[in-house]
Amino acid sequence: GGNKDHTPPVSTDGVVPYWSSHIEGAQSEII
């Protein structure tokens, strides 16, 4: 739940951080 207090979210899946997986223009994004 590292996404509650941050915009953009600050989190990682343990290998790839959020900032790397995020892509502008996505029709949807789900964590």
PDB file of all heavy atoms in Angstrom:
ATOM      1  N   GLY A   1       0.793  -1.221   0.000  1.00  0.00           N
ATOM      2  CA  GLY A   1       0.000   0.000   0.000  1.00  0.00           C
ATOM      3  C   GLY A   1       0.821   1.265   0.000  1.00  0.00           C
ATOM      4  O   GLY A   1       0.445   2.264   0.618  1.00  0.00           O
ATOM      5  N   GLY A   2       1.942   1.263  -0.714  1.00  0.00           N
ATOM      6  CA  GLY A   2       2.783   2.444  -0.758  1.00  0.00           C
ATOM      7  C   GLY A   2       2.259   3.512  -1.681  1.00  0.00           C
ATOM      8  O   GLY A   2       2.990   4.408  -2.087  1.00  0.00           O
ATOM      9  N   ASN A   3       0.967   3.426  -2.030  1.00  0.00           N
ATOM     10  CA  ASN A   3       0.414   4.347  -3.022  1.00  0.00           C
ATOM     11  C   ASN A   3      -0.589   5.316  -2.413  1.00  0.00           C
ATOM     12  O   ASN A   3      -1.154   6.143  -3.097  1.00  0.00           O
ATOM     13  CB  ASN A   3      -0.296   3.539  -4.111  1.00  0.00           C
ATOM     14  CG  ASN A   3       0.553   2.376  -4.582  1.00  0.00           C
ATOM     15  OD1 ASN A   3       1.591   2.598  -5.173  1.00  0.00           O
ATOM     16  ND2 ASN A   3       0.147   1.161  -4.274  1.00  0.00           N
ATOM     17  N   LYS A   4      -0.833   5.182  -1.111  1.00  0.00           N
ATOM     18  CA  LYS A   4      -1.923   5.943  -0.522  1.00  0.00           C
ATOM     19  C   LYS A   4      -1.598   7.425  -0.374  1.00  0.00           C
ATOM     20  O   LYS A   4      -2.463   8.284  -0.553  1.00  0.00           O
ATOM     21  CB  LYS A   4      -2.280   5.343   0.839  1.00  0.00           C
ATOM     22  CG  LYS A   4      -2.824   3.922   0.746  1.00  0.00           C
ATOM     23  CD  LYS A   4      -3.098   3.360   2.128  1.00  0.00           C
ATOM     24  CE  LYS A   4      -3.631   1.935   2.035  1.00  0.00           C
ATOM     25  NZ  LYS A   4      -3.868   1.346   3.374  1.00  0.00           N
ATOM     26  N   ASP A   5      -0.363   7.724  -0.010  1.00  0.00           N
ATOM     27  CA  ASP A   5      -0.029   9.103   0.342  1.00  0.00           C
ATOM     28  C   ASP A   5       0.896   9.772  -0.656  1.00  0.00           C
ATOM     29  O   ASP A   5       1.478  10.817  -0.353  1.00  0.00           O
ATOM     30  CB  ASP A   5       0.616   9.124   1.735  1.00  0.00           C
ATOM     31  CG  ASP A   5      -0.279   8.481   2.774  1.00  0.00           C
ATOM     32  OD1 ASP A   5      -1.501   8.715   2.707  1.00  0.00           O
ATOM     33  OD2 ASP A   5       0.246   7.750   3.629  1.00  0.00           O
ATOM     34  N   HIS A   6       1.048   9.186  -1.810  1.00  0.00           N
ATOM     35  CA  HIS A   6       2.010   9.727  -2.764  1.00  0.00           C
ATOM     36  C   HIS A   6       1.383   9.848  -4.141  1.00  0.00           C
ATOM     37  O   HIS A   6       0.645   8.983  -4.585  1.00  0.00           O
ATOM     38  CB  HIS A   6       3.250   8.825  -2.860  1.00  0.00           C
ATOM     39  CG  HIS A   6       3.995   8.690  -1.578  1.00  0.00           C
ATOM     40  ND1 HIS A   6       4.931   9.595  -1.161  1.00  0.00           N
ATOM     41  CD2 HIS A   6       3.913   7.751  -0.603  1.00  0.00           C
ATOM     42  CE1 HIS A   6       5.419   9.220   0.015  1.00  0.00           C
ATOM     43  NE2 HIS A   6       4.822   8.101   0.379  1.00  0.00           N
ATOM     44  N   THR A   7       1.678  10.926  -4.813  1.00  0.00           N
ATOM     45  CA  THR A   7       1.306  11.124  -6.205  1.00  0.00           C
ATOM     46  C   THR A   7       2.528  11.662  -6.941  1.00  0.00           C
ATOM     47  O   THR A   7       2.955  12.784  -6.686  1.00  0.00           O
ATOM     48  CB  THR A   7       0.143  12.118  -6.341  1.00  0.00           C
ATOM     49  OG1 THR A   7      -0.958  11.656  -5.555  1.00  0.00           O
ATOM     50  CG2 THR A   7      -0.292  12.243  -7.784  1.00  0.00           C
ATOM     51  N   PRO A   8       3.139  10.883  -7.857  1.00  0.00           N
ATOM     52  CA  PRO A   8       2.756   9.519  -8.225  1.00  0.00           C
ATOM     53  C   PRO A   8       3.099   8.526  -7.120  1.00  0.00           C
ATOM     54  O   PRO A   8       3.849   8.862  -6.208  1.00  0.00           O
ATOM     55  CB  PRO A   8       3.591   9.259  -9.484  1.00  0.00           C
ATOM     56  CG  PRO A   8       4.822  10.085  -9.283  1.00  0.00           C
ATOM     57  CD  PRO A   8       4.330  11.340  -8.614  1.00  0.00           C
ATOM     58  N   PRO A   9       2.559   7.293  -7.202  1.00  0.00           N
ATOM     59  CA  PRO A   9       2.826   6.300  -6.164  1.00  0.00           C
ATOM     60  C   PRO A   9       4.313   5.997  -6.009  1.00  0.00           C
ATOM     61  O   PRO A   9       5.081   6.071  -6.973  1.00  0.00           O
ATOM     62  CB  PRO A   9       2.065   5.067  -6.662  1.00  0.00           C
ATOM     63  CG  PRO A   9       1.006   5.612  -7.549  1.00  0.00           C
ATOM     64  CD  PRO A   9       1.616   6.801  -8.212  1.00  0.00           C
ATOM     65  N   VAL A  10       4.710   5.700  -4.793  1.00  0.00           N
ATOM     66  CA  VAL A  10       6.074   5.274  -4.513  1.00  0.00           C
ATOM     67  C   VAL A  10       5.988   3.816  -4.053  1.00  0.00           C
ATOM     68  O   VAL A  10       5.559   3.543  -2.940  1.00  0.00           O
ATOM     69  CB  VAL A  10       6.732   6.144  -3.420  1.00  0.00           C
ATOM     70  CG1 VAL A  10       8.137   5.614  -3.109  1.00  0.00           C
ATOM     71  CG2 VAL A  10       6.789   7.587  -3.858  1.00  0.00           C
ATOM     72  N   SER A  11       6.334   2.916  -4.926  1.00  0.00           N
ATOM     73  CA  SER A  11       6.218   1.497  -4.592  1.00  0.00           C
ATOM     74  C   SER A  11       7.101   0.693  -5.530  1.00  0.00           C
ATOM     75  O   SER A  11       7.678   1.221  -6.482  1.00  0.00           O
ATOM     76  CB  SER A  11       4.762   1.028  -4.709  1.00  0.00           C
ATOM     77  OG  SER A  11       4.296   1.163  -6.040  1.00  0.00           O
ATOM     78  N   THR A  12       7.196  -0.600  -5.253  1.00  0.00           N
ATOM     79  CA  THR A  12       7.955  -1.516  -6.091  1.00  0.00           C
ATOM     80  C   THR A  12       7.336  -2.898  -5.968  1.00  0.00           C
ATOM     81  O   THR A  12       6.691  -3.220  -4.961  1.00  0.00           O
ATOM     82  CB  THR A  12       9.437  -1.567  -5.673  1.00  0.00           C
ATOM     83  OG1 THR A  12      10.126  -2.542  -6.475  1.00  0.00           O
ATOM     84  CG2 THR A  12       9.581  -1.959  -4.209  1.00  0.00           C
ATOM     85  N   ASP A  13       7.526  -3.713  -6.979  1.00  0.00           N
ATOM     86  CA  ASP A  13       7.064  -5.099  -6.892  1.00  0.00           C
ATOM     87  C   ASP A  13       8.162  -6.016  -6.386  1.00  0.00           C
ATOM     88  O   ASP A  13       8.035  -7.236  -6.408  1.00  0.00           O
ATOM     89  CB  ASP A  13       6.525  -5.572  -8.246  1.00  0.00           C
ATOM     90  CG  ASP A  13       7.581  -5.578  -9.349  1.00  0.00           C
ATOM     91  OD1 ASP A  13       8.788  -5.570  -9.049  1.00  0.00           O
ATOM     92  OD2 ASP A  13       7.192  -5.596 -10.533  1.00  0.00           O
ATOM     93  N   GLY A  14       9.267  -5.421  -5.955  1.00  0.00           N
ATOM     94  CA  GLY A  14      10.403  -6.191  -5.473  1.00  0.00           C
ATOM     95  C   GLY A  14      11.512  -6.301  -6.492  1.00  0.00           C
ATOM     96  O   GLY A  14      12.664  -6.586  -6.145  1.00  0.00           O
ATOM     97  N   VAL A  15      11.203  -6.054  -7.749  1.00  0.00           N
ATOM     98  CA  VAL A  15      12.195  -6.077  -8.821  1.00  0.00           C
ATOM     99  C   VAL A  15      12.133  -4.781  -9.630  1.00  0.00           C
ATOM    100  O   VAL A  15      13.155  -4.146  -9.893  1.00  0.00           O
ATOM    101  CB  VAL A  15      11.980  -7.289  -9.765  1.00  0.00           C
ATOM    102  CG1 VAL A  15      12.953  -7.245 -10.945  1.00  0.00           C
ATOM    103  CG2 VAL A  15      12.135  -8.595  -8.992  1.00  0.00           C
ATOM    104  N   VAL A  16      10.916  -4.388 -10.009  1.00  0.00           N
ATOM    105  CA  VAL A  16      10.718  -3.202 -10.845  1.00  0.00           C
ATOM    106  C   VAL A  16       9.924  -2.164 -10.056  1.00  0.00           C
ATOM    107  O   VAL A  16       8.852  -2.470  -9.535  1.00  0.00           O
ATOM    108  CB  VAL A  16       9.972  -3.568 -12.148  1.00  0.00           C
ATOM    109  CG1 VAL A  16       9.704  -2.318 -12.989  1.00  0.00           C
ATOM    110  CG2 VAL A  16      10.779  -4.587 -12.953  1.00  0.00           C
ATOM    111  N   PRO A  17      10.429  -0.939  -9.951  1.00  0.00           N
ATOM    112  CA  PRO A  17       9.693   0.106  -9.232  1.00  0.00           C
ATOM    113  C   PRO A  17       8.530   0.651 -10.055  1.00  0.00           C
ATOM    114  O   PRO A  17       8.490   0.508 -11.284  1.00  0.00           O
ATOM    115  CB  PRO A  17      10.753   1.184  -8.990  1.00  0.00           C
ATOM    116  CG  PRO A  17      11.733   1.003 -10.101  1.00  0.00           C
ATOM    117  CD  PRO A  17      11.753  -0.470 -10.405  1.00  0.00           C
ATOM    118  N   TYR A  18       7.604   1.288  -9.356  1.00  0.00           N
ATOM    119  CA  TYR A  18       6.430   1.849 -10.014  1.00  0.00           C
ATOM    120  C   TYR A  18       6.819   2.784 -11.148  1.00  0.00           C
ATOM    121  O   TYR A  18       6.240   2.726 -12.242  1.00  0.00           O
ATOM    122  CB  TYR A  18       5.558   2.601  -9.001  1.00  0.00           C
ATOM    123  CG  TYR A  18       4.453   3.404  -9.663  1.00  0.00           C
ATOM    124  CD1 TYR A  18       3.238   2.814  -9.964  1.00  0.00           C
ATOM    125  CD2 TYR A  18       4.645   4.744 -10.024  1.00  0.00           C
ATOM    126  CE1 TYR A  18       2.231   3.527 -10.597  1.00  0.00           C
ATOM    127  CE2 TYR A  18       3.649   5.468 -10.663  1.00  0.00           C
ATOM    128  CZ  TYR A  18       2.444   4.852 -10.942  1.00  0.00           C
ATOM    129  OH  TYR A  18       1.463   5.571 -11.584  1.00  0.00           O
ATOM    130  N   TRP A  19       7.799   3.659 -10.903  1.00  0.00           N
ATOM    131  CA  TRP A  19       8.127   4.669 -11.911  1.00  0.00           C
ATOM    132  C   TRP A  19       8.573   4.034 -13.227  1.00  0.00           C
ATOM    133  O   TRP A  19       8.416   4.632 -14.294  1.00  0.00           O
ATOM    134  CB  TRP A  19       9.218   5.629 -11.407  1.00  0.00           C
ATOM    135  CG  TRP A  19      10.536   4.977 -11.064  1.00  0.00           C
ATOM    136  CD1 TRP A  19      10.981   4.633  -9.825  1.00  0.00           C
ATOM    137  CD2 TRP A  19      11.574   4.602 -11.991  1.00  0.00           C
ATOM    138  NE1 TRP A  19      12.230   4.048  -9.901  1.00  0.00           N
ATOM    139  CE2 TRP A  19      12.612   4.029 -11.224  1.00  0.00           C
ATOM    140  CE3 TRP A  19      11.730   4.687 -13.372  1.00  0.00           C
ATOM    141  CZ2 TRP A  19      13.795   3.549 -11.792  1.00  0.00           C
ATOM    142  CZ3 TRP A  19      12.907   4.201 -13.946  1.00  0.00           C
ATOM    143  CH2 TRP A  19      13.917   3.651 -13.167  1.00  0.00           C
ATOM    144  N   SER A  20       9.123   2.816 -13.159  1.00  0.00           N
ATOM    145  CA  SER A  20       9.570   2.142 -14.374  1.00  0.00           C
ATOM    146  C   SER A  20       8.405   1.507 -15.127  1.00  0.00           C
ATOM    147  O   SER A  20       8.365   1.528 -16.357  1.00  0.00           O
ATOM    148  CB  SER A  20      10.611   1.073 -14.027  1.00  0.00           C
ATOM    149  OG  SER A  20      11.018   0.373 -15.184  1.00  0.00           O
ATOM    150  N   SER A  21       7.440   0.953 -14.389  1.00  0.00           N
ATOM    151  CA  SER A  21       6.298   0.302 -15.032  1.00  0.00           C
ATOM    152  C   SER A  21       5.250   1.293 -15.522  1.00  0.00           C
ATOM    153  O   SER A  21       4.495   0.997 -16.454  1.00  0.00           O
ATOM    154  CB  SER A  21       5.629  -0.680 -14.058  1.00  0.00           C
ATOM    155  OG  SER A  21       6.461  -1.789 -13.807  1.00  0.00           O
ATOM    156  N   HIS A  22       5.186   2.436 -14.895  1.00  0.00           N
ATOM    157  CA  HIS A  22       4.194   3.444 -15.289  1.00  0.00           C
ATOM    158  C   HIS A  22       4.500   3.953 -16.692  1.00  0.00           C
ATOM    159  O   HIS A  22       5.645   4.237 -17.036  1.00  0.00           O
ATOM    160  CB  HIS A  22       4.216   4.608 -14.302  1.00  0.00           C
ATOM    161  CG  HIS A  22       3.333   5.742 -14.713  1.00  0.00           C
ATOM    162  ND1 HIS A  22       1.958   5.699 -14.597  1.00  0.00           N
ATOM    163  CD2 HIS A  22       3.633   6.957 -15.267  1.00  0.00           C
ATOM    164  CE1 HIS A  22       1.446   6.841 -15.043  1.00  0.00           C
ATOM    165  NE2 HIS A  22       2.442   7.614 -15.448  1.00  0.00           N
ATOM    166  N   ILE A  23       3.466   4.084 -17.517  1.00  0.00           N
ATOM    167  CA  ILE A  23       3.633   4.625 -18.861  1.00  0.00           C
ATOM    168  C   ILE A  23       2.517   5.618 -19.130  1.00  0.00           C
ATOM    169  O   ILE A  23       1.323   5.318 -18.926  1.00  0.00           O
ATOM    170  CB  ILE A  23       3.651   3.484 -19.927  1.00  0.00           C
ATOM    171  CG1 ILE A  23       3.780   4.072 -21.341  1.00  0.00           C
ATOM    172  CG2 ILE A  23       2.449   2.561 -19.807  1.00  0.00           C
ATOM    173  CD1 ILE A  23       4.015   3.014 -22.423  1.00  0.00           C
ATOM    174  N   GLU A  24       2.903   6.790 -19.519  1.00  0.00           N
ATOM    175  CA  GLU A  24       1.924   7.839 -19.798  1.00  0.00           C
ATOM    176  C   GLU A  24       1.030   7.434 -20.968  1.00  0.00           C
ATOM    177  O   GLU A  24       1.474   6.792 -21.920  1.00  0.00           O
ATOM    178  CB  GLU A  24       2.632   9.160 -20.135  1.00  0.00           C
ATOM    179  CG  GLU A  24       3.348   9.798 -18.955  1.00  0.00           C
ATOM    180  CD  GLU A  24       2.389  10.251 -17.872  1.00  0.00           C
ATOM    181  OE1 GLU A  24       1.230  10.604 -18.194  1.00  0.00           O
ATOM    182  OE2 GLU A  24       2.790  10.250 -16.687  1.00  0.00           O
ATOM    183  N   GLY A  25      -0.236   7.813 -20.871  1.00  0.00           N
ATOM    184  CA  GLY A  25      -1.164   7.544 -21.956  1.00  0.00           C
ATOM    185  C   GLY A  25      -1.877   6.223 -21.857  1.00  0.00           C
ATOM    186  O   GLY A  25      -2.678   5.880 -22.736  1.00  0.00           O
ATOM    187  N   ALA A  26      -1.607   5.452 -20.780  1.00  0.00           N
ATOM    188  CA  ALA A  26      -2.274   4.156 -20.633  1.00  0.00           C
ATOM    189  C   ALA A  26      -3.776   4.356 -20.478  1.00  0.00           C
ATOM    190  O   ALA A  26      -4.233   5.240 -19.756  1.00  0.00           O
ATOM    191  CB  ALA A  26      -1.721   3.405 -19.435  1.00  0.00           C
ATOM    192  N   GLN A  27      -4.542   3.519 -21.153  1.00  0.00           N
ATOM    193  CA  GLN A  27      -5.999   3.602 -21.039  1.00  0.00           C
ATOM    194  C   GLN A  27      -6.458   3.228 -19.641  1.00  0.00           C
ATOM    195  O   GLN A  27      -7.485   3.716 -19.161  1.00  0.00           O
ATOM    196  CB  GLN A  27      -6.655   2.692 -22.083  1.00  0.00           C
ATOM    197  CG  GLN A  27      -8.154   2.898 -22.210  1.00  0.00           C
ATOM    198  CD  GLN A  27      -8.742   2.094 -23.352  1.00  0.00           C
ATOM    199  OE1 GLN A  27      -9.224   0.984 -23.158  1.00  0.00           O
ATOM    200  NE2 GLN A  27      -8.707   2.647 -24.554  1.00  0.00           N
ATOM    201  N   SER A  28      -5.704   2.375 -18.976  1.00  0.00           N
ATOM    202  CA  SER A  28      -5.990   2.034 -17.589  1.00  0.00           C
ATOM    203  C   SER A  28      -4.687   1.643 -16.913  1.00  0.00           C
ATOM    204  O   SER A  28      -3.754   1.147 -17.554  1.00  0.00           O
ATOM    205  CB  SER A  28      -7.009   0.901 -17.483  1.00  0.00           C
ATOM    206  OG  SER A  28      -6.490  -0.306 -18.014  1.00  0.00           O
ATOM    207  N   GLU A  29      -4.645   1.865 -15.613  1.00  0.00           N
ATOM    208  CA  GLU A  29      -3.518   1.429 -14.797  1.00  0.00           C
ATOM    209  C   GLU A  29      -4.083   0.906 -13.482  1.00  0.00           C
ATOM    210  O   GLU A  29      -4.895   1.571 -12.844  1.00  0.00           O
ATOM    211  CB  GLU A  29      -2.545   2.570 -14.526  1.00  0.00           C
ATOM    212  CG  GLU A  29      -1.365   2.159 -13.651  1.00  0.00           C
ATOM    213  CD  GLU A  29      -0.427   3.317 -13.351  1.00  0.00           C
ATOM    214  OE1 GLU A  29       0.389   3.663 -14.233  1.00  0.00           O
ATOM    215  OE2 GLU A  29      -0.517   3.892 -12.233  1.00  0.00           O
ATOM    216  N   ILE A  30      -3.673  -0.282 -13.083  1.00  0.00           N
ATOM    217  CA  ILE A  30      -4.152  -0.885 -11.851  1.00  0.00           C
ATOM    218  C   ILE A  30      -2.955  -1.376 -11.055  1.00  0.00           C
ATOM    219  O   ILE A  30      -1.990  -1.904 -11.618  1.00  0.00           O
ATOM    220  CB  ILE A  30      -5.139  -2.042 -12.141  1.00  0.00           C
ATOM    221  CG1 ILE A  30      -5.692  -2.618 -10.844  1.00  0.00           C
ATOM    222  CG2 ILE A  30      -4.506  -3.126 -12.968  1.00  0.00           C
ATOM    223  CD1 ILE A  30      -6.779  -3.662 -11.046  1.00  0.00           C
ATOM    224  N   ILE A  31      -3.002  -1.156  -9.756  1.00  0.00           N
ATOM    225  CA  ILE A  31      -1.960  -1.650  -8.861  1.00  0.00           C
ATOM    226  C   ILE A  31      -2.536  -2.805  -8.064  1.00  0.00           C
ATOM    227  O   ILE A  31      -3.592  -2.681  -7.436  1.00  0.00           O
ATOM    228  CB  ILE A  31      -1.454  -0.533  -7.936  1.00  0.00           C
ATOM    229  CG1 ILE A  31      -0.797   0.565  -8.781  1.00  0.00           C
ATOM    230  CG2 ILE A  31      -0.470  -1.084  -6.913  1.00  0.00           C
ATOM    231  CD1 ILE A  31      -0.336   1.764  -8.004  1.00  0.00           C
TER     232      ILE A  31
END
